[in-house]
Amino acid sequence: MSRRDRLLGPPRVRRRLAALARAPINFDPGDLQHASAATGWKIDDLCQDLGSEPPGDPVPGGTWELARALLRGYAFADPSIVRAYYDPDVPLMGRTLLLKLRALGLLHVYAGVRVSEVRDATQSHDGRDVRLWGWSYRTLQGHVEEGQMDWEVWKWRDTGVVEFRVHAVWRRAAVPNPVVRVGVAVLRAHERALFLASTARRMRVFTALAARADDSPAVVREAARQLSARGGDDVDITAEELEEALREVRAPST
């Protein structure tokens, strides 16, 4: 199976993905400027240390570049909770993804998102320069939630510390199906927390494996199984995507 076929999924999934091309965002992006618990939004922030490299700009083949390579797709995320389908031939900016959201490893719903921004810049935070790369997506009509999720890899230029960062602003969407509505209300917060924690571990371990040149297909596949919250065919399928992402950038020793 080709990489594109793997990422697009089976025919029924491709039809769902194609239909999302016409789907609008399901909330007013302007609401994000005033998002808070008081206005009905939930905010998640996560920071995972990925190690360090010499201070200054990112080192070719170093930790920051390895993490960025992982972040270009979606295989870094735990596919046993959220699996993404998309067309890799479409540029990242503006790309539409169909997410398969799982609960307890038994139930699932499909939801669409669209990449709204890609960032590649040096910024100042608290008087310190940070080199960052990342992207954001926003939820589309039919999603069980409303909001935006930011995925980024940072390098503090003064210390060389590299971090994986996630910022999410979300709230439950109006869901007409009563069964799905109850399931989202009861399980989604738990599954989201599990997903973020598992994804942070995956980023840390896969980046470290690549930095040590210990990223052979067998090693990556076994790590993907161990680092997924639950099992399933999606774990092995996305492990192939991880292998390809890690082959894009090698540590200097390789």
C-alpha atoms as a PDB file:
ATOM      1  CA  MET A   1       0.000   0.000   0.000  1.00  0.00           C
ATOM      2  CA  SER A   2       1.354   3.422  -0.939  1.00  0.00           C
ATOM      3  CA  ARG A   3       1.790   6.170   1.630  1.00  0.00           C
ATOM      4  CA  ARG A   4      -1.010   8.207   0.050  1.00  0.00           C
ATOM      5  CA  ASP A   5      -3.427   5.263   0.057  1.00  0.00           C
ATOM      6  CA  ARG A   6      -2.601   4.573   3.685  1.00  0.00           C
ATOM      7  CA  LEU A   7      -3.261   8.163   4.735  1.00  0.00           C
ATOM      8  CA  LEU A   8      -6.470   8.489   2.699  1.00  0.00           C
ATOM      9  CA  GLY A   9      -7.914   5.307   4.196  1.00  0.00           C
ATOM     10  CA  PRO A  10     -10.501   2.906   2.738  1.00  0.00           C
ATOM     11  CA  PRO A  11     -13.167   4.069   0.229  1.00  0.00           C
ATOM     12  CA  ARG A  12     -15.838   4.866   2.834  1.00  0.00           C
ATOM     13  CA  VAL A  13     -13.369   7.079   4.711  1.00  0.00           C
ATOM     14  CA  ARG A  14     -12.282   8.804   1.501  1.00  0.00           C
ATOM     15  CA  ARG A  15     -15.891   9.699   0.762  1.00  0.00           C
ATOM     16  CA  ARG A  16     -16.250  11.277   4.197  1.00  0.00           C
ATOM     17  CA  LEU A  17     -13.008  13.184   3.738  1.00  0.00           C
ATOM     18  CA  ALA A  18     -14.041  14.440   0.297  1.00  0.00           C
ATOM     19  CA  ALA A  19     -17.354  15.702   1.688  1.00  0.00           C
ATOM     20  CA  LEU A  20     -15.490  17.824   4.244  1.00  0.00           C
ATOM     21  CA  ALA A  21     -14.013  19.998   1.497  1.00  0.00           C
ATOM     22  CA  ARG A  22     -17.245  22.011   1.567  1.00  0.00           C
ATOM     23  CA  ALA A  23     -17.665  22.046   5.351  1.00  0.00           C
ATOM     24  CA  PRO A  24     -17.321  25.412   7.121  1.00  0.00           C
ATOM     25  CA  ILE A  25     -15.733  26.036  10.509  1.00  0.00           C
ATOM     26  CA  ASN A  26     -18.376  25.404  13.188  1.00  0.00           C
ATOM     27  CA  PHE A  27     -17.661  28.439  15.385  1.00  0.00           C
ATOM     28  CA  ASP A  28     -16.717  32.098  15.161  1.00  0.00           C
ATOM     29  CA  PRO A  29     -12.885  32.315  15.313  1.00  0.00           C
ATOM     30  CA  GLY A  30     -13.269  35.757  16.874  1.00  0.00           C
ATOM     31  CA  ASP A  31     -14.625  34.071  20.002  1.00  0.00           C
ATOM     32  CA  LEU A  32     -11.151  32.653  20.682  1.00  0.00           C
ATOM     33  CA  GLN A  33      -9.836  36.101  21.573  1.00  0.00           C
ATOM     34  CA  HIS A  34     -11.985  36.112  24.707  1.00  0.00           C
ATOM     35  CA  ALA A  35     -11.999  32.384  25.430  1.00  0.00           C
ATOM     36  CA  SER A  36     -12.111  31.518  29.123  1.00  0.00           C
ATOM     37  CA  ALA A  37     -13.999  29.332  31.546  1.00  0.00           C
ATOM     38  CA  ALA A  38     -16.315  32.280  32.142  1.00  0.00           C
ATOM     39  CA  THR A  39     -17.302  32.310  28.472  1.00  0.00           C
ATOM     40  CA  GLY A  40     -17.808  28.542  28.313  1.00  0.00           C
ATOM     41  CA  TRP A  41     -14.462  27.455  26.908  1.00  0.00           C
ATOM     42  CA  LYS A  42     -11.993  24.890  28.225  1.00  0.00           C
ATOM     43  CA  ILE A  43      -8.274  25.499  27.755  1.00  0.00           C
ATOM     44  CA  ASP A  44      -5.593  22.800  27.727  1.00  0.00           C
ATOM     45  CA  ASP A  45      -1.860  23.507  27.778  1.00  0.00           C
ATOM     46  CA  LEU A  46       0.859  20.876  27.624  1.00  0.00           C
ATOM     47  CA  CYS A  47       4.645  21.182  27.559  1.00  0.00           C
ATOM     48  CA  GLN A  48       6.835  18.101  27.081  1.00  0.00           C
ATOM     49  CA  ASP A  49      10.628  18.359  27.364  1.00  0.00           C
ATOM     50  CA  LEU A  50      12.230  16.617  24.375  1.00  0.00           C
ATOM     51  CA  GLY A  51      15.850  17.063  25.416  1.00  0.00           C
ATOM     52  CA  SER A  52      18.367  19.653  24.310  1.00  0.00           C
ATOM     53  CA  GLU A  53      20.988  20.541  21.735  1.00  0.00           C
ATOM     54  CA  PRO A  54      23.620  23.310  21.569  1.00  0.00           C
ATOM     55  CA  PRO A  55      22.216  26.838  22.051  1.00  0.00           C
ATOM     56  CA  GLY A  56      21.451  29.000  19.037  1.00  0.00           C
ATOM     57  CA  ASP A  57      19.657  28.037  15.844  1.00  0.00           C
ATOM     58  CA  PRO A  58      18.387  24.458  15.401  1.00  0.00           C
ATOM     59  CA  VAL A  59      21.155  21.956  14.694  1.00  0.00           C
ATOM     60  CA  PRO A  60      20.833  20.106  11.349  1.00  0.00           C
ATOM     61  CA  GLY A  61      19.535  16.626  12.126  1.00  0.00           C
ATOM     62  CA  GLY A  62      19.194  17.546  15.794  1.00  0.00           C
ATOM     63  CA  THR A  63      16.385  17.235  18.299  1.00  0.00           C
ATOM     64  CA  TRP A  64      14.383  20.225  17.046  1.00  0.00           C
ATOM     65  CA  GLU A  65      14.499  19.109  13.407  1.00  0.00           C
ATOM     66  CA  LEU A  66      13.600  15.535  14.341  1.00  0.00           C
ATOM     67  CA  ALA A  67      10.603  16.730  16.342  1.00  0.00           C
ATOM     68  CA  ARG A  68       9.524  18.999  13.487  1.00  0.00           C
ATOM     69  CA  ALA A  69       9.674  16.063  11.064  1.00  0.00           C
ATOM     70  CA  LEU A  70       7.355  14.090  13.352  1.00  0.00           C
ATOM     71  CA  LEU A  71       4.997  17.038  13.647  1.00  0.00           C
ATOM     72  CA  ARG A  72       4.562  17.503   9.888  1.00  0.00           C
ATOM     73  CA  GLY A  73       2.058  14.660   9.713  1.00  0.00           C
ATOM     74  CA  TYR A  74      -0.235  13.277  12.394  1.00  0.00           C
ATOM     75  CA  ALA A  75       1.372   9.937  13.229  1.00  0.00           C
ATOM     76  CA  PHE A  76       2.976  11.473  16.327  1.00  0.00           C
ATOM     77  CA  ALA A  77      -0.499  11.483  17.902  1.00  0.00           C
ATOM     78  CA  ASP A  78      -1.861   8.352  19.577  1.00  0.00           C
ATOM     79  CA  PRO A  79      -3.920   6.632  16.834  1.00  0.00           C
ATOM     80  CA  SER A  80      -5.662   4.347  19.320  1.00  0.00           C
ATOM     81  CA  ILE A  81      -7.573   7.453  20.473  1.00  0.00           C
ATOM     82  CA  VAL A  82      -7.429   9.802  17.465  1.00  0.00           C
ATOM     83  CA  ARG A  83      -6.572   8.608  13.945  1.00  0.00           C
ATOM     84  CA  ALA A  84      -6.236  11.160  11.148  1.00  0.00           C
ATOM     85  CA  TYR A  85      -7.005  10.644   7.465  1.00  0.00           C
ATOM     86  CA  TYR A  86      -5.903  13.201   4.885  1.00  0.00           C
ATOM     87  CA  ASP A  87      -4.418  13.698   1.439  1.00  0.00           C
ATOM     88  CA  PRO A  88      -0.637  14.172   1.832  1.00  0.00           C
ATOM     89  CA  ASP A  89      -0.484  15.811  -1.610  1.00  0.00           C
ATOM     90  CA  VAL A  90      -2.455  18.778  -0.266  1.00  0.00           C
ATOM     91  CA  PRO A  91      -0.195  21.447   1.332  1.00  0.00           C
ATOM     92  CA  LEU A  92      -0.303  21.552   5.122  1.00  0.00           C
ATOM     93  CA  MET A  93      -1.773  25.061   5.166  1.00  0.00           C
ATOM     94  CA  GLY A  94      -5.475  24.661   4.429  1.00  0.00           C
ATOM     95  CA  ARG A  95      -5.351  20.860   4.604  1.00  0.00           C
ATOM     96  CA  THR A  96      -8.550  19.122   5.702  1.00  0.00           C
ATOM     97  CA  LEU A  97      -8.282  16.125   8.022  1.00  0.00           C
ATOM     98  CA  LEU A  98     -10.903  13.570   8.973  1.00  0.00           C
ATOM     99  CA  LEU A  99     -10.346  12.499  12.572  1.00  0.00           C
ATOM    100  CA  LYS A 100     -11.566   9.190  13.938  1.00  0.00           C
ATOM    101  CA  LEU A 101     -12.256   9.887  17.621  1.00  0.00           C
ATOM    102  CA  ARG A 102     -12.355   6.756  19.744  1.00  0.00           C
ATOM    103  CA  ALA A 103     -13.742   6.232  23.225  1.00  0.00           C
ATOM    104  CA  LEU A 104     -12.712   3.337  25.462  1.00  0.00           C
ATOM    105  CA  GLY A 105     -11.350   1.584  22.380  1.00  0.00           C
ATOM    106  CA  LEU A 106     -14.889   0.494  21.486  1.00  0.00           C
ATOM    107  CA  LEU A 107     -16.874   3.420  20.116  1.00  0.00           C
ATOM    108  CA  HIS A 108     -15.898   6.013  17.561  1.00  0.00           C
ATOM    109  CA  VAL A 109     -17.179   9.056  15.687  1.00  0.00           C
ATOM    110  CA  TYR A 110     -15.715  10.906  12.718  1.00  0.00           C
ATOM    111  CA  ALA A 111     -15.004  14.627  12.889  1.00  0.00           C
ATOM    112  CA  GLY A 112     -13.458  17.115  10.488  1.00  0.00           C
ATOM    113  CA  VAL A 113     -10.809  19.782  11.077  1.00  0.00           C
ATOM    114  CA  ARG A 114      -8.903  22.151   8.813  1.00  0.00           C
ATOM    115  CA  VAL A 115      -5.396  23.572   9.191  1.00  0.00           C
ATOM    116  CA  SER A 116      -5.799  27.306   9.725  1.00  0.00           C
ATOM    117  CA  GLU A 117      -2.195  28.403  10.298  1.00  0.00           C
ATOM    118  CA  VAL A 118       1.385  27.172   9.891  1.00  0.00           C
ATOM    119  CA  ARG A 119       4.045  28.956  11.952  1.00  0.00           C
ATOM    120  CA  ASP A 120       7.806  29.057  11.359  1.00  0.00           C
ATOM    121  CA  ALA A 121       9.408  31.894  13.288  1.00  0.00           C
ATOM    122  CA  THR A 122      11.674  33.172  16.022  1.00  0.00           C
ATOM    123  CA  GLN A 123       9.728  34.910  18.782  1.00  0.00           C
ATOM    124  CA  SER A 124      10.449  36.484  22.132  1.00  0.00           C
ATOM    125  CA  HIS A 125       8.839  35.030  25.259  1.00  0.00           C
ATOM    126  CA  ASP A 126       9.562  36.618  28.627  1.00  0.00           C
ATOM    127  CA  GLY A 127      12.645  38.257  27.160  1.00  0.00           C
ATOM    128  CA  ARG A 128      14.011  35.011  25.709  1.00  0.00           C
ATOM    129  CA  ASP A 129      14.209  34.053  22.043  1.00  0.00           C
ATOM    130  CA  VAL A 130      12.516  30.833  20.985  1.00  0.00           C
ATOM    131  CA  ARG A 131      12.627  29.194  17.570  1.00  0.00           C
ATOM    132  CA  LEU A 132       9.297  27.544  16.868  1.00  0.00           C
ATOM    133  CA  TRP A 133       7.537  25.595  14.164  1.00  0.00           C
ATOM    134  CA  GLY A 134       3.975  24.381  14.302  1.00  0.00           C
ATOM    135  CA  TRP A 135       0.454  24.440  13.000  1.00  0.00           C
ATOM    136  CA  SER A 136      -3.134  24.863  14.146  1.00  0.00           C
ATOM    137  CA  TYR A 137      -6.421  23.344  13.109  1.00  0.00           C
ATOM    138  CA  ARG A 138     -10.009  24.423  13.663  1.00  0.00           C
ATOM    139  CA  THR A 139     -13.080  22.241  13.954  1.00  0.00           C
ATOM    140  CA  LEU A 140     -15.557  21.933  11.089  1.00  0.00           C
ATOM    141  CA  GLN A 141     -19.324  21.622  10.948  1.00  0.00           C
ATOM    142  CA  GLY A 142     -20.373  18.211  12.266  1.00  0.00           C
ATOM    143  CA  HIS A 143     -17.544  17.982  14.814  1.00  0.00           C
ATOM    144  CA  VAL A 144     -18.575  17.070  18.365  1.00  0.00           C
ATOM    145  CA  GLU A 145     -16.487  19.996  19.628  1.00  0.00           C
ATOM    146  CA  GLU A 146     -15.802  23.596  18.659  1.00  0.00           C
ATOM    147  CA  GLY A 147     -12.385  25.202  18.856  1.00  0.00           C
ATOM    148  CA  GLN A 148      -8.747  25.210  17.864  1.00  0.00           C
ATOM    149  CA  MET A 149      -5.712  23.065  18.615  1.00  0.00           C
ATOM    150  CA  ASP A 150      -2.098  24.255  18.265  1.00  0.00           C
ATOM    151  CA  TRP A 151       0.825  21.826  17.867  1.00  0.00           C
ATOM    152  CA  GLU A 152       4.336  23.298  18.140  1.00  0.00           C
ATOM    153  CA  VAL A 153       7.981  22.395  18.698  1.00  0.00           C
ATOM    154  CA  TRP A 154      10.058  25.058  20.474  1.00  0.00           C
ATOM    155  CA  LYS A 155      13.785  25.574  20.928  1.00  0.00           C
ATOM    156  CA  TRP A 156      14.964  28.063  23.532  1.00  0.00           C
ATOM    157  CA  ARG A 157      17.940  29.659  21.795  1.00  0.00           C
ATOM    158  CA  ASP A 158      19.737  30.597  25.028  1.00  0.00           C
ATOM    159  CA  THR A 159      19.755  27.105  26.563  1.00  0.00           C
ATOM    160  CA  GLY A 160      19.130  24.742  23.638  1.00  0.00           C
ATOM    161  CA  VAL A 161      16.183  23.088  25.404  1.00  0.00           C
ATOM    162  CA  VAL A 162      13.621  21.671  22.962  1.00  0.00           C
ATOM    163  CA  GLU A 163       9.947  21.300  23.882  1.00  0.00           C
ATOM    164  CA  PHE A 164       6.760  19.896  22.380  1.00  0.00           C
ATOM    165  CA  ARG A 165       3.853  22.218  23.137  1.00  0.00           C
ATOM    166  CA  VAL A 166       0.104  21.875  22.754  1.00  0.00           C
ATOM    167  CA  HIS A 167      -2.477  24.598  23.290  1.00  0.00           C
ATOM    168  CA  ALA A 168      -6.154  23.777  22.848  1.00  0.00           C
ATOM    169  CA  VAL A 169      -9.250  25.917  23.275  1.00  0.00           C
ATOM    170  CA  TRP A 170     -12.502  23.990  23.001  1.00  0.00           C
ATOM    171  CA  ARG A 171     -16.105  23.531  24.040  1.00  0.00           C
ATOM    172  CA  ARG A 172     -18.756  20.963  23.256  1.00  0.00           C
ATOM    173  CA  ALA A 173     -20.705  21.516  20.053  1.00  0.00           C
ATOM    174  CA  ALA A 174     -24.439  21.012  19.651  1.00  0.00           C
ATOM    175  CA  VAL A 175     -24.814  17.321  18.772  1.00  0.00           C
ATOM    176  CA  PRO A 176     -28.243  16.216  17.492  1.00  0.00           C
ATOM    177  CA  ASN A 177     -27.730  12.492  18.146  1.00  0.00           C
ATOM    178  CA  PRO A 178     -28.659  11.939  21.827  1.00  0.00           C
ATOM    179  CA  VAL A 179     -26.456   8.861  22.220  1.00  0.00           C
ATOM    180  CA  VAL A 180     -23.398  10.650  20.843  1.00  0.00           C
ATOM    181  CA  ARG A 181     -24.245  13.750  22.880  1.00  0.00           C
ATOM    182  CA  VAL A 182     -24.299  11.787  26.141  1.00  0.00           C
ATOM    183  CA  GLY A 183     -21.145   9.890  25.204  1.00  0.00           C
ATOM    184  CA  VAL A 184     -19.273  13.116  24.500  1.00  0.00           C
ATOM    185  CA  ALA A 185     -20.459  14.658  27.763  1.00  0.00           C
ATOM    186  CA  VAL A 186     -19.399  11.633  29.820  1.00  0.00           C
ATOM    187  CA  LEU A 187     -16.229  10.437  28.108  1.00  0.00           C
ATOM    188  CA  ARG A 188     -14.657  13.170  25.996  1.00  0.00           C
ATOM    189  CA  ALA A 189     -12.749  14.999  28.746  1.00  0.00           C
ATOM    190  CA  HIS A 190     -11.231  11.716  29.960  1.00  0.00           C
ATOM    191  CA  GLU A 191     -10.293  10.626  26.438  1.00  0.00           C
ATOM    192  CA  ARG A 192      -8.817  14.041  25.654  1.00  0.00           C
ATOM    193  CA  ALA A 193      -6.585  13.970  28.745  1.00  0.00           C
ATOM    194  CA  LEU A 194      -5.482  10.423  27.926  1.00  0.00           C
ATOM    195  CA  PHE A 195      -4.788  11.413  24.318  1.00  0.00           C
ATOM    196  CA  LEU A 196      -2.640  14.418  25.222  1.00  0.00           C
ATOM    197  CA  ALA A 197      -0.615  12.510  27.818  1.00  0.00           C
ATOM    198  CA  SER A 198      -0.034   9.589  25.461  1.00  0.00           C
ATOM    199  CA  THR A 199       0.884  11.857  22.547  1.00  0.00           C
ATOM    200  CA  ALA A 200       3.408  13.749  24.694  1.00  0.00           C
ATOM    201  CA  ARG A 201       5.106  10.462  25.636  1.00  0.00           C
ATOM    202  CA  ARG A 202       5.201   9.407  21.991  1.00  0.00           C
ATOM    203  CA  MET A 203       6.856  12.650  20.913  1.00  0.00           C
ATOM    204  CA  ARG A 204       9.484  12.326  23.653  1.00  0.00           C
ATOM    205  CA  VAL A 205      10.327   8.685  22.936  1.00  0.00           C
ATOM    206  CA  PHE A 206      10.257   8.817  19.127  1.00  0.00           C
ATOM    207  CA  THR A 207      12.422  11.939  19.062  1.00  0.00           C
ATOM    208  CA  ALA A 208      14.905  10.254  21.410  1.00  0.00           C
ATOM    209  CA  LEU A 209      14.972   7.057  19.322  1.00  0.00           C
ATOM    210  CA  ALA A 210      15.778   9.037  16.187  1.00  0.00           C
ATOM    211  CA  ALA A 211      18.442  11.098  17.952  1.00  0.00           C
ATOM    212  CA  ARG A 212      20.154   7.856  19.022  1.00  0.00           C
ATOM    213  CA  ALA A 213      19.755   6.397  15.506  1.00  0.00           C
ATOM    214  CA  ASP A 214      17.722   3.659  17.180  1.00  0.00           C
ATOM    215  CA  ASP A 215      14.767   4.140  14.847  1.00  0.00           C
ATOM    216  CA  SER A 216      14.758   0.991  12.732  1.00  0.00           C
ATOM    217  CA  PRO A 217      11.294  -0.109  11.530  1.00  0.00           C
ATOM    218  CA  ALA A 218      11.126  -2.910  14.091  1.00  0.00           C
ATOM    219  CA  VAL A 219      12.062  -0.604  16.972  1.00  0.00           C
ATOM    220  CA  VAL A 220       9.616   2.113  15.908  1.00  0.00           C
ATOM    221  CA  ARG A 221       6.787  -0.378  15.465  1.00  0.00           C
ATOM    222  CA  GLU A 222       7.330  -1.936  18.882  1.00  0.00           C
ATOM    223  CA  ALA A 223       7.586   1.484  20.531  1.00  0.00           C
ATOM    224  CA  ALA A 224       4.374   2.575  18.798  1.00  0.00           C
ATOM    225  CA  ARG A 225       2.571  -0.421  20.263  1.00  0.00           C
ATOM    226  CA  GLN A 226       3.908   0.139  23.758  1.00  0.00           C
ATOM    227  CA  LEU A 227       3.235   3.879  23.718  1.00  0.00           C
ATOM    228  CA  SER A 228      -0.354   3.684  22.499  1.00  0.00           C
ATOM    229  CA  ALA A 229      -3.005   3.871  25.182  1.00  0.00           C
ATOM    230  CA  ARG A 230      -4.861   0.991  23.537  1.00  0.00           C
ATOM    231  CA  GLY A 231      -4.206  -1.526  20.789  1.00  0.00           C
ATOM    232  CA  GLY A 232      -5.748  -1.845  17.346  1.00  0.00           C
ATOM    233  CA  ASP A 233      -4.862  -1.999  13.666  1.00  0.00           C
ATOM    234  CA  ASP A 234      -4.440   1.773  13.481  1.00  0.00           C
ATOM    235  CA  VAL A 235      -1.378   1.547  15.727  1.00  0.00           C
ATOM    236  CA  ASP A 236       0.603  -0.573  13.258  1.00  0.00           C
ATOM    237  CA  ILE A 237      -0.626   1.376  10.231  1.00  0.00           C
ATOM    238  CA  THR A 238       0.467   4.730  11.610  1.00  0.00           C
ATOM    239  CA  ALA A 239       3.770   3.221  12.765  1.00  0.00           C
ATOM    240  CA  GLU A 240       4.665   3.017   9.070  1.00  0.00           C
ATOM    241  CA  GLU A 241       4.064   6.749   8.782  1.00  0.00           C
ATOM    242  CA  LEU A 242       6.304   7.342  11.804  1.00  0.00           C
ATOM    243  CA  GLU A 243       9.084   5.328  10.188  1.00  0.00           C
ATOM    244  CA  GLU A 244       8.891   7.455   7.050  1.00  0.00           C
ATOM    245  CA  ALA A 245       8.833  10.709   9.024  1.00  0.00           C
ATOM    246  CA  LEU A 246      11.934   9.734  10.971  1.00  0.00           C
ATOM    247  CA  ARG A 247      13.774   8.776   7.807  1.00  0.00           C
ATOM    248  CA  GLU A 248      13.426  12.363   6.593  1.00  0.00           C
ATOM    249  CA  VAL A 249      15.890  13.649   9.165  1.00  0.00           C
ATOM    250  CA  ARG A 250      18.783  11.720  10.669  1.00  0.00           C
ATOM    251  CA  ALA A 251      20.960  12.600  13.644  1.00  0.00           C
ATOM    252  CA  PRO A 252      24.475  13.762  12.659  1.00  0.00           C
ATOM    253  CA  SER A 253      25.963  10.444  13.786  1.00  0.00           C
ATOM    254  CA  THR A 254      24.092   8.621  11.011  1.00  0.00           C
END
